Amino acid sequence: MKLIITIQAAKAFRKVPAKDAGALLTILKEIAADPFGPHPKAKKLTEHPGFRTRQGDWRAIYRIDREAEEMIVEMIAHRSEVYK
């Protein structure tokens, strides 16, 4: 599946410390390779459509477009800000 990071998420990626940014990108690539497989750091969101994954205090919110075969990362933010 193709991994797409929106402009908003890409800008937010700059705020993530380098160590966490690299690990988060690795996690996102692993999920995109097998989006419906078991991923311990990924969970379905209850109040919004889509999923989230985490790396330390950072969260990435994404959705999966089955028709287009794309995983779209919509938001990356600190855990204190992401769910507001």
PDB file of N, CA and C in Angstrom:
ATOM      1  N   MET A   1       0.846  -1.168   0.000  1.00  0.00           N
ATOM      2  CA  MET A   1       0.000   0.000   0.000  1.00  0.00           C
ATOM      3  C   MET A   1       0.897   1.238   0.000  1.00  0.00           C
ATOM      4  N   LYS A   2       0.476   2.244  -0.715  1.00  0.00           N
ATOM      5  CA  LYS A   2       1.255   3.473  -0.832  1.00  0.00           C
ATOM      6  C   LYS A   2       1.075   4.342   0.411  1.00  0.00           C
ATOM      7  N   LEU A   3       2.172   4.859   0.956  1.00  0.00           N
ATOM      8  CA  LEU A   3       2.156   5.736   2.125  1.00  0.00           C
ATOM      9  C   LEU A   3       2.178   7.184   1.659  1.00  0.00           C
ATOM     10  N   ILE A   4       1.158   7.943   2.068  1.00  0.00           N
ATOM     11  CA  ILE A   4       1.072   9.354   1.712  1.00  0.00           C
ATOM     12  C   ILE A   4       1.036  10.162   3.005  1.00  0.00           C
ATOM     13  N   ILE A   5       1.880  11.174   3.092  1.00  0.00           N
ATOM     14  CA  ILE A   5       1.911  12.063   4.247  1.00  0.00           C
ATOM     15  C   ILE A   5       1.436  13.434   3.769  1.00  0.00           C
ATOM     16  N   THR A   6       0.341  13.923   4.355  1.00  0.00           N
ATOM     17  CA  THR A   6      -0.213  15.212   3.939  1.00  0.00           C
ATOM     18  C   THR A   6       0.772  16.336   4.264  1.00  0.00           C
ATOM     19  N   ILE A   7       0.554  17.475   3.652  1.00  0.00           N
ATOM     20  CA  ILE A   7       1.418  18.634   3.885  1.00  0.00           C
ATOM     21  C   ILE A   7       1.384  19.029   5.354  1.00  0.00           C
ATOM     22  N   GLN A   8       0.192  19.031   5.949  1.00  0.00           N
ATOM     23  CA  GLN A   8       0.050  19.382   7.365  1.00  0.00           C
ATOM     24  C   GLN A   8       0.872  18.437   8.245  1.00  0.00           C
ATOM     25  N   ALA A   9       0.789  17.142   7.964  1.00  0.00           N
ATOM     26  CA  ALA A   9       1.538  16.158   8.751  1.00  0.00           C
ATOM     27  C   ALA A   9       3.041  16.306   8.516  1.00  0.00           C
ATOM     28  N   ALA A  10       3.440  16.586   7.290  1.00  0.00           N
ATOM     29  CA  ALA A  10       4.866  16.763   6.978  1.00  0.00           C
ATOM     30  C   ALA A  10       5.444  17.966   7.726  1.00  0.00           C
ATOM     31  N   LYS A  11       4.676  19.049   7.822  1.00  0.00           N
ATOM     32  CA  LYS A  11       5.133  20.225   8.569  1.00  0.00           C
ATOM     33  C   LYS A  11       5.270  19.898  10.052  1.00  0.00           C
ATOM     34  N   ALA A  12       4.325  19.134  10.583  1.00  0.00           N
ATOM     35  CA  ALA A  12       4.366  18.757  11.993  1.00  0.00           C
ATOM     36  C   ALA A  12       5.530  17.813  12.277  1.00  0.00           C
ATOM     37  N   PHE A  13       5.928  17.037  11.280  1.00  0.00           N
ATOM     38  CA  PHE A  13       7.044  16.100  11.441  1.00  0.00           C
ATOM     39  C   PHE A  13       8.328  16.830  11.839  1.00  0.00           C
ATOM     40  N   ARG A  14       8.457  18.075  11.418  1.00  0.00           N
ATOM     41  CA  ARG A  14       9.657  18.869  11.727  1.00  0.00           C
ATOM     42  C   ARG A  14       9.803  19.137  13.222  1.00  0.00           C
ATOM     43  N   LYS A  15       8.697  19.120  13.952  1.00  0.00           N
ATOM     44  CA  LYS A  15       8.716  19.379  15.396  1.00  0.00           C
ATOM     45  C   LYS A  15       9.123  18.141  16.197  1.00  0.00           C
ATOM     46  N   VAL A  16       9.022  16.987  15.589  1.00  0.00           N
ATOM     47  CA  VAL A  16       9.314  15.728  16.282  1.00  0.00           C
ATOM     48  C   VAL A  16      10.827  15.579  16.419  1.00  0.00           C
ATOM     49  N   PRO A  17      11.324  15.235  17.608  1.00  0.00           N
ATOM     50  CA  PRO A  17      12.770  14.994  17.764  1.00  0.00           C
ATOM     51  C   PRO A  17      13.248  13.917  16.780  1.00  0.00           C
ATOM     52  N   ALA A  18      14.478  14.042  16.317  1.00  0.00           N
ATOM     53  CA  ALA A  18      15.014  13.167  15.270  1.00  0.00           C
ATOM     54  C   ALA A  18      14.865  11.688  15.600  1.00  0.00           C
ATOM     55  N   LYS A  19      15.161  11.299  16.829  1.00  0.00           N
ATOM     56  CA  LYS A  19      15.069   9.892  17.213  1.00  0.00           C
ATOM     57  C   LYS A  19      13.641   9.376  17.070  1.00  0.00           C
ATOM     58  N   ASP A  20      12.674  10.144  17.568  1.00  0.00           N
ATOM     59  CA  ASP A  20      11.274   9.741  17.478  1.00  0.00           C
ATOM     60  C   ASP A  20      10.760   9.820  16.045  1.00  0.00           C
ATOM     61  N   ALA A  21      11.211  10.803  15.280  1.00  0.00           N
ATOM     62  CA  ALA A  21      10.765  10.963  13.900  1.00  0.00           C
ATOM     63  C   ALA A  21      11.172   9.756  13.052  1.00  0.00           C
ATOM     64  N   GLY A  22      12.402   9.318  13.210  1.00  0.00           N
ATOM     65  CA  GLY A  22      12.865   8.152  12.457  1.00  0.00           C
ATOM     66  C   GLY A  22      12.103   6.902  12.827  1.00  0.00           C
ATOM     67  N   ALA A  23      11.885   6.707  14.114  1.00  0.00           N
ATOM     68  CA  ALA A  23      11.146   5.527  14.577  1.00  0.00           C
ATOM     69  C   ALA A  23       9.689   5.581  14.122  1.00  0.00           C
ATOM     70  N   LEU A  24       9.071   6.760  14.171  1.00  0.00           N
ATOM     71  CA  LEU A  24       7.685   6.907  13.743  1.00  0.00           C
ATOM     72  C   LEU A  24       7.547   6.637  12.247  1.00  0.00           C
ATOM     73  N   LEU A  25       8.474   7.120  11.460  1.00  0.00           N
ATOM     74  CA  LEU A  25       8.435   6.869  10.024  1.00  0.00           C
ATOM     75  C   LEU A  25       8.593   5.375   9.734  1.00  0.00           C
ATOM     76  N   THR A  26       9.448   4.699  10.472  1.00  0.00           N
ATOM     77  CA  THR A  26       9.616   3.248  10.307  1.00  0.00           C
ATOM     78  C   THR A  26       8.315   2.527  10.627  1.00  0.00           C
ATOM     79  N   ILE A  27       7.654   2.917  11.707  1.00  0.00           N
ATOM     80  CA  ILE A  27       6.381   2.301  12.091  1.00  0.00           C
ATOM     81  C   ILE A  27       5.335   2.522  10.999  1.00  0.00           C
ATOM     82  N   LEU A  28       5.257   3.745  10.480  1.00  0.00           N
ATOM     83  CA  LEU A  28       4.283   4.045   9.433  1.00  0.00           C
ATOM     84  C   LEU A  28       4.541   3.218   8.173  1.00  0.00           C
ATOM     85  N   LYS A  29       5.795   3.042   7.811  1.00  0.00           N
ATOM     86  CA  LYS A  29       6.129   2.219   6.640  1.00  0.00           C
ATOM     87  C   LYS A  29       5.752   0.758   6.863  1.00  0.00           C
ATOM     88  N   GLU A  30       5.977   0.252   8.080  1.00  0.00           N
ATOM     89  CA  GLU A  30       5.608  -1.128   8.401  1.00  0.00           C
ATOM     90  C   GLU A  30       4.098  -1.319   8.313  1.00  0.00           C
ATOM     91  N   ILE A  31       3.353  -0.351   8.819  1.00  0.00           N
ATOM     92  CA  ILE A  31       1.895  -0.445   8.764  1.00  0.00           C
ATOM     93  C   ILE A  31       1.421  -0.372   7.316  1.00  0.00           C
ATOM     94  N   ALA A  32       1.998   0.508   6.515  1.00  0.00           N
ATOM     95  CA  ALA A  32       1.608   0.635   5.108  1.00  0.00           C
ATOM     96  C   ALA A  32       1.887  -0.652   4.331  1.00  0.00           C
ATOM     97  N   ALA A  33       2.934  -1.361   4.703  1.00  0.00           N
ATOM     98  CA  ALA A  33       3.272  -2.610   4.023  1.00  0.00           C
ATOM     99  C   ALA A  33       2.224  -3.688   4.277  1.00  0.00           C
ATOM    100  N   ASP A  34       1.599  -3.668   5.459  1.00  0.00           N
ATOM    101  CA  ASP A  34       0.565  -4.646   5.818  1.00  0.00           C
ATOM    102  C   ASP A  34      -0.438  -3.949   6.741  1.00  0.00           C
ATOM    103  N   PRO A  35      -1.328  -3.115   6.181  1.00  0.00           N
ATOM    104  CA  PRO A  35      -2.183  -2.271   7.019  1.00  0.00           C
ATOM    105  C   PRO A  35      -3.195  -3.028   7.879  1.00  0.00           C
ATOM    106  N   PHE A  36      -3.527  -4.239   7.519  1.00  0.00           N
ATOM    107  CA  PHE A  36      -4.535  -4.972   8.280  1.00  0.00           C
ATOM    108  C   PHE A  36      -3.922  -6.090   9.121  1.00  0.00           C
ATOM    109  N   GLY A  37      -2.608  -6.119   9.195  1.00  0.00           N
ATOM    110  CA  GLY A  37      -1.906  -7.096  10.026  1.00  0.00           C
ATOM    111  C   GLY A  37      -1.861  -6.618  11.473  1.00  0.00           C
ATOM    112  N   PRO A  38      -1.310  -7.441  12.344  1.00  0.00           N
ATOM    113  CA  PRO A  38      -1.216  -7.044  13.762  1.00  0.00           C
ATOM    114  C   PRO A  38      -0.088  -6.027  13.969  1.00  0.00           C
ATOM    115  N   HIS A  39      -0.440  -4.890  14.522  1.00  0.00           N
ATOM    116  CA  HIS A  39       0.532  -3.845  14.832  1.00  0.00           C
ATOM    117  C   HIS A  39       0.267  -3.391  16.264  1.00  0.00           C
ATOM    118  N   PRO A  40       1.152  -3.702  17.198  1.00  0.00           N
ATOM    119  CA  PRO A  40       0.893  -3.402  18.604  1.00  0.00           C
ATOM    120  C   PRO A  40       0.765  -1.918  18.929  1.00  0.00           C
ATOM    121  N   LYS A  41       1.346  -1.053  18.131  1.00  0.00           N
ATOM    122  CA  LYS A  41       1.275   0.383  18.426  1.00  0.00           C
ATOM    123  C   LYS A  41       0.160   1.086  17.652  1.00  0.00           C
ATOM    124  N   ALA A  42      -0.623   0.359  16.880  1.00  0.00           N
ATOM    125  CA  ALA A  42      -1.703   0.959  16.096  1.00  0.00           C
ATOM    126  C   ALA A  42      -3.050   0.574  16.692  1.00  0.00           C
ATOM    127  N   LYS A  43      -3.953   1.560  16.730  1.00  0.00           N
ATOM    128  CA  LYS A  43      -5.296   1.309  17.255  1.00  0.00           C
ATOM    129  C   LYS A  43      -6.316   2.076  16.425  1.00  0.00           C
ATOM    130  N   LYS A  44      -7.502   1.503  16.326  1.00  0.00           N
ATOM    131  CA  LYS A  44      -8.606   2.176  15.654  1.00  0.00           C
ATOM    132  C   LYS A  44      -9.135   3.269  16.565  1.00  0.00           C
ATOM    133  N   LEU A  45      -9.430   4.421  15.994  1.00  0.00           N
ATOM    134  CA  LEU A  45      -9.980   5.522  16.775  1.00  0.00           C
ATOM    135  C   LEU A  45     -11.464   5.272  17.024  1.00  0.00           C
ATOM    136  N   THR A  46     -11.959   5.691  18.171  1.00  0.00           N
ATOM    137  CA  THR A  46     -13.360   5.451  18.501  1.00  0.00           C
ATOM    138  C   THR A  46     -14.260   6.617  18.106  1.00  0.00           C
ATOM    139  N   GLU A  47     -13.784   7.842  18.233  1.00  0.00           N
ATOM    140  CA  GLU A  47     -14.630   9.005  17.958  1.00  0.00           C
ATOM    141  C   GLU A  47     -14.454   9.578  16.552  1.00  0.00           C
ATOM    142  N   HIS A  48     -13.430   9.145  15.845  1.00  0.00           N
ATOM    143  CA  HIS A  48     -13.153   9.637  14.500  1.00  0.00           C
ATOM    144  C   HIS A  48     -12.856   8.438  13.606  1.00  0.00           C
ATOM    145  N   PRO A  49     -13.120   8.574  12.316  1.00  0.00           N
ATOM    146  CA  PRO A  49     -12.729   7.481  11.418  1.00  0.00           C
ATOM    147  C   PRO A  49     -11.209   7.443  11.281  1.00  0.00           C
ATOM    148  N   GLY A  50     -10.662   6.286  11.229  1.00  0.00           N
ATOM    149  CA  GLY A  50      -9.226   6.165  11.043  1.00  0.00           C
ATOM    150  C   GLY A  50      -8.540   5.467  12.197  1.00  0.00           C
ATOM    151  N   PHE A  51      -7.224   5.600  12.217  1.00  0.00           N
ATOM    152  CA  PHE A  51      -6.386   4.899  13.168  1.00  0.00           C
ATOM    153  C   PHE A  51      -5.342   5.850  13.735  1.00  0.00           C
ATOM    154  N   ARG A  52      -4.663   5.391  14.778  1.00  0.00           N
ATOM    155  CA  ARG A  52      -3.536   6.137  15.311  1.00  0.00           C
ATOM    156  C   ARG A  52      -2.416   5.165  15.634  1.00  0.00           C
ATOM    157  N   THR A  53      -1.209   5.678  15.567  1.00  0.00           N
ATOM    158  CA  THR A  53      -0.055   4.930  16.023  1.00  0.00           C
ATOM    159  C   THR A  53       0.776   5.881  16.867  1.00  0.00           C
ATOM    160  N   ARG A  54       1.682   5.317  17.662  1.00  0.00           N
ATOM    161  CA  ARG A  54       2.425   6.171  18.569  1.00  0.00           C
ATOM    162  C   ARG A  54       3.902   5.805  18.584  1.00  0.00           C
ATOM    163  N   GLN A  55       4.688   6.800  18.930  1.00  0.00           N
ATOM    164  CA  GLN A  55       6.113   6.629  19.176  1.00  0.00           C
ATOM    165  C   GLN A  55       6.453   7.588  20.298  1.00  0.00           C
ATOM    166  N   GLY A  56       6.695   7.051  21.471  1.00  0.00           N
ATOM    167  CA  GLY A  56       6.953   7.913  22.624  1.00  0.00           C
ATOM    168  C   GLY A  56       5.742   8.774  22.907  1.00  0.00           C
ATOM    169  N   ASP A  57       5.936  10.083  22.964  1.00  0.00           N
ATOM    170  CA  ASP A  57       4.849  11.023  23.223  1.00  0.00           C
ATOM    171  C   ASP A  57       4.206  11.552  21.945  1.00  0.00           C
ATOM    172  N   TRP A  58       4.574  11.026  20.799  1.00  0.00           N
ATOM    173  CA  TRP A  58       4.088  11.512  19.518  1.00  0.00           C
ATOM    174  C   TRP A  58       3.079  10.551  18.921  1.00  0.00           C
ATOM    175  N   ARG A  59       2.058  11.113  18.292  1.00  0.00           N
ATOM    176  CA  ARG A  59       0.995  10.319  17.683  1.00  0.00           C
ATOM    177  C   ARG A  59       0.853  10.677  16.215  1.00  0.00           C
ATOM    178  N   ALA A  60       0.529   9.682  15.412  1.00  0.00           N
ATOM    179  CA  ALA A  60       0.221   9.891  13.998  1.00  0.00           C
ATOM    180  C   ALA A  60      -1.187   9.368  13.762  1.00  0.00           C
ATOM    181  N   ILE A  61      -2.031  10.200  13.172  1.00  0.00           N
ATOM    182  CA  ILE A  61      -3.400   9.828  12.844  1.00  0.00           C
ATOM    183  C   ILE A  61      -3.429   9.564  11.344  1.00  0.00           C
ATOM    184  N   TYR A  62      -3.974   8.415  10.969  1.00  0.00           N
ATOM    185  CA  TYR A  62      -4.009   8.064   9.553  1.00  0.00           C
ATOM    186  C   TYR A  62      -5.307   7.360   9.207  1.00  0.00           C
ATOM    187  N   ARG A  63      -5.575   7.314   7.902  1.00  0.00           N
ATOM    188  CA  ARG A  63      -6.733   6.560   7.415  1.00  0.00           C
ATOM    189  C   ARG A  63      -6.279   5.699   6.242  1.00  0.00           C
ATOM    190  N   ILE A  64      -7.075   4.714   5.962  1.00  0.00           N
ATOM    191  CA  ILE A  64      -6.743   3.790   4.879  1.00  0.00           C
ATOM    192  C   ILE A  64      -7.816   3.892   3.806  1.00  0.00           C
ATOM    193  N   ASP A  65      -7.387   4.152   2.587  1.00  0.00           N
ATOM    194  CA  ASP A  65      -8.283   4.205   1.434  1.00  0.00           C
ATOM    195  C   ASP A  65      -8.079   2.901   0.655  1.00  0.00           C
ATOM    196  N   ARG A  66      -9.001   1.978   0.852  1.00  0.00           N
ATOM    197  CA  ARG A  66      -8.853   0.658   0.223  1.00  0.00           C
ATOM    198  C   ARG A  66      -8.932   0.723  -1.294  1.00  0.00           C
ATOM    199  N   GLU A  67      -9.813   1.571  -1.814  1.00  0.00           N
ATOM    200  CA  GLU A  67      -9.983   1.657  -3.269  1.00  0.00           C
ATOM    201  C   GLU A  67      -8.723   2.166  -3.951  1.00  0.00           C
ATOM    202  N   ALA A  68      -8.107   3.188  -3.368  1.00  0.00           N
ATOM    203  CA  ALA A  68      -6.906   3.774  -3.967  1.00  0.00           C
ATOM    204  C   ALA A  68      -5.635   3.063  -3.512  1.00  0.00           C
ATOM    205  N   GLU A  69      -5.769   2.110  -2.573  1.00  0.00           N
ATOM    206  CA  GLU A  69      -4.608   1.390  -2.041  1.00  0.00           C
ATOM    207  C   GLU A  69      -3.605   2.369  -1.423  1.00  0.00           C
ATOM    208  N   GLU A  70      -4.129   3.287  -0.594  1.00  0.00           N
ATOM    209  CA  GLU A  70      -3.287   4.299   0.027  1.00  0.00           C
ATOM    210  C   GLU A  70      -3.514   4.356   1.542  1.00  0.00           C
ATOM    211  N   MET A  71      -2.446   4.638   2.253  1.00  0.00           N
ATOM    212  CA  MET A  71      -2.509   4.934   3.678  1.00  0.00           C
ATOM    213  C   MET A  71      -2.111   6.403   3.809  1.00  0.00           C
ATOM    214  N   ILE A  72      -3.053   7.236   4.273  1.00  0.00           N
ATOM    215  CA  ILE A  72      -2.843   8.675   4.308  1.00  0.00           C
ATOM    216  C   ILE A  72      -2.652   9.132   5.742  1.00  0.00           C
ATOM    217  N   VAL A  73      -1.467   9.676   6.031  1.00  0.00           N
ATOM    218  CA  VAL A  73      -1.166  10.225   7.352  1.00  0.00           C
ATOM    219  C   VAL A  73      -1.677  11.658   7.355  1.00  0.00           C
ATOM    220  N   GLU A  74      -2.686  11.917   8.188  1.00  0.00           N
ATOM    221  CA  GLU A  74      -3.336  13.224   8.198  1.00  0.00           C
ATOM    222  C   GLU A  74      -2.783  14.167   9.251  1.00  0.00           C
ATOM    223  N   MET A  75      -2.280  13.617  10.358  1.00  0.00           N
ATOM    224  CA  MET A  75      -1.828  14.485  11.438  1.00  0.00           C
ATOM    225  C   MET A  75      -0.728  13.798  12.234  1.00  0.00           C
ATOM    226  N   ILE A  76       0.240  14.590  12.646  1.00  0.00           N
ATOM    227  CA  ILE A  76       1.276  14.147  13.573  1.00  0.00           C
ATOM    228  C   ILE A  76       1.371  15.228  14.628  1.00  0.00           C
ATOM    229  N   ALA A  77       1.249  14.832  15.885  1.00  0.00           N
ATOM    230  CA  ALA A  77       1.274  15.826  16.959  1.00  0.00           C
ATOM    231  C   ALA A  77       1.676  15.165  18.275  1.00  0.00           C
ATOM    232  N   HIS A  78       2.022  16.002  19.236  1.00  0.00           N
ATOM    233  CA  HIS A  78       2.312  15.535  20.585  1.00  0.00           C
ATOM    234  C   HIS A  78       1.023  15.000  21.192  1.00  0.00           C
ATOM    235  N   ARG A  79       1.138  14.045  22.058  1.00  0.00           N
ATOM    236  CA  ARG A  79      -0.051  13.401  22.631  1.00  0.00           C
ATOM    237  C   ARG A  79      -0.953  14.379  23.372  1.00  0.00           C
ATOM    238  N   SER A  80      -0.411  15.458  23.880  1.00  0.00           N
ATOM    239  CA  SER A  80      -1.225  16.435  24.603  1.00  0.00           C
ATOM    240  C   SER A  80      -2.077  17.297  23.653  1.00  0.00           C
ATOM    241  N   GLU A  81      -1.751  17.279  22.371  1.00  0.00           N
ATOM    242  CA  GLU A  81      -2.439  18.137  21.407  1.00  0.00           C
ATOM    243  C   GLU A  81      -3.248  17.381  20.359  1.00  0.00           C
ATOM    244  N   VAL A  82      -2.936  16.141  20.149  1.00  0.00           N
ATOM    245  CA  VAL A  82      -3.473  15.439  18.977  1.00  0.00           C
ATOM    246  C   VAL A  82      -4.975  15.197  19.024  1.00  0.00           C
ATOM    247  N   TYR A  83      -5.558  14.975  20.167  1.00  0.00           N
ATOM    248  CA  TYR A  83      -6.967  14.614  20.240  1.00  0.00           C
ATOM    249  C   TYR A  83      -7.892  15.793  20.477  1.00  0.00           C
ATOM    250  N   LYS A  84      -7.371  17.007  20.474  1.00  0.00           N
ATOM    251  CA  LYS A  84      -8.215  18.196  20.703  1.00  0.00           C
ATOM    252  C   LYS A  84      -8.991  18.566  19.472  1.00  0.00           C
TER     253      LYS A  84
END
